């Protein structure tokens, strides 16, 4: 590609590159040719080369070596070179570049140029990249141009003044008189620039704001002229007369009327007129109406006007344009606290937006629906929210569950309804609830004393149906541990009772303990519940002891610690009857031995004698001989007569101290092992 190739040809070659490497090679060769020509004397191709360099810059490649060329072209007397130079300055220079200071004098000269187009180039560049220092130096020139007779220049000077006020706020006082005079212009471009400038001045200076409140009647007349004017091809957009200017005026009126009764009263009629006479079927009309709504809600407007504004937003909810529906719900969200009843009238439409395919609209509809929940509509609106929860996107589930929990906590009509709602949420989206949900629900169940039976039956059903939802399983295990006796009783007035046995309950808890889906925290709940049941059931204590013992060697330290502590609790505190061993059975006489208490080297033994013969046995004497290493102490028997037919018994307590743990004999029968953990 030759150095003199035209811009269009360079673009065609770059676009034709098949790989990024090929494109990079083309650009590197062209940039090298452009550098070489920049070093040569002016041959009339400087603007052409800079234009090509700007295209390279747009593609993301380095083009900083063209900055000084921009400065040279701006100083050129030829318009075509000056135009490209200013364009390059706006793209390659900013206020941080030292080269930007070099064009200050050129801009000042061009602001006084005889050609309005040259003046326009200087104004656009200054408004785009003028630094604070440049703004201070050139502010008098801009103020002079604001008072010029040329409308084309005045509208650009007004927008340049906006940039200066943003960079150097104290310059606002300089532009205030000129900005006020621009409101008498007929040209819509100048009016637009003037309104934008006045808006910027009022937002940055309270004194200026108070000063411009006097022009509210003038702005109202200007706005009425736009609303009631006939068709004007020059300014008409989709049947709306200059909607851009209308939006800017409404925005300024909103600032002027905020927290001011006089200014607000002066614009109430206008806002009502705009709200009723603007067609919302096209986007331009919707933009004007939306700005009207924002103004009504921000000033001290009449209550009827606020209701009208809410109704406009309600109509926006029915619009086919999703963007309009989105901004409508965003606005309703802001005013729902102050105008709750007015927004409530559109609750049905808002709930319908939960079914929208657009994720952003759906999220806004959810937030607004949650804000509309009250004590009056909690039941009906919660049904809609729970239905939405069953099909909502995963990214909205956590927010939905949190909102439902908060609403239920504030407006629950009864504790049973509250519990049912939370259980429904846990069943539907238990994996997306907050960590504090489980302790909060446990606290709620604890306080609802009359619902303990109902709750434990419902949670047991949920547990045997699905154990994948960890939060639900944790609450169910806790509830079974606390109120398992109510579950086993099989009686419940609040709901149809479940007929379960002790084995059924233990099977359910053991399933949770053994499931790979159970987290360590869930297993902890299940193990604790199993242990609690040892005080509420009678026939399966040994099974509970066995289950707990297994986890004494669990790899999870927390679970292992619990199991070990529970085993200790079993040993010292649980009301578990020790098994007995028959050590003598002859001639109708049966002697049983039962260990009552045991230490490392000693034990307390109870001997029980019964008689199955037809006659009483009298003069009963129990004797025992032990090795020398064993110390024996026999307490007095309960009697010396054993009634016939097993109608009574005689007991005697024996204290043994066996430090060497030797085996003991009774009569001619070898006692192989004492009950429980005998020697």
Foldseek 3Di string as FASTA:
>chain_A
DDQPDFLVVLVVVLVPDPDPVSNVVSVVVNVVSLVVVVPDPDPPCLLRSLVSLVVVVVVPDDSLVCLVSLLVQCQDPDPSSVLSSLVCCLRRHAPVDPSVVSCLVSLLVQCPDPDVVSVLSSLVSCLRHNALVSLVVCVVSLLVQLPDPDLVSNLSSLSSVLSNCVRPVVCLVVNLVSLVVQLPDPDLSSLLSSLSSLLSNVVRDVVSLVVCLVCLLVLLVVLVCQLPPDDDVVQDDPNGGNLSSLLSSLVSLLSSQAPNPVSQVSCQVSLVVLLVRFDPLDPSSLSNLLSSLVSCVRGPYDPVSNLSNLVSLLVQLVDPDVVSVLVSLVVCLVCCVVPVVSNVVSLVSLLVQCPPPDPSSNVSSLSSLLSNQDLVCPVVSLVSLLVSLLPPDPVCNLVSLVSNLVSCVVRPPDLVSSLVSNLSSLVRCLVNYDPCSLVVSLVSQVVPVLCLLVVLQVLVVVLVVDPLRQSSLLNNLQSCLVPVLSLCVQDDPVDRHDHDHPVRVLVSLVCLLPDPSHDPSSVVSSLNSLLSCLVRDDDCVVVSLVVLCVLCPPPDPVSVVVSVVSNVCVQPPRPDAFDKDFQDDPPQKTKIKGWDDDDPFKTKIKIKIAGADPAKQFQDDADFDDDPQKDKDKDDKPHGIHGYRRPDMIMIMMIMGGNPLDWGHGDPGTDPAGTDPHD
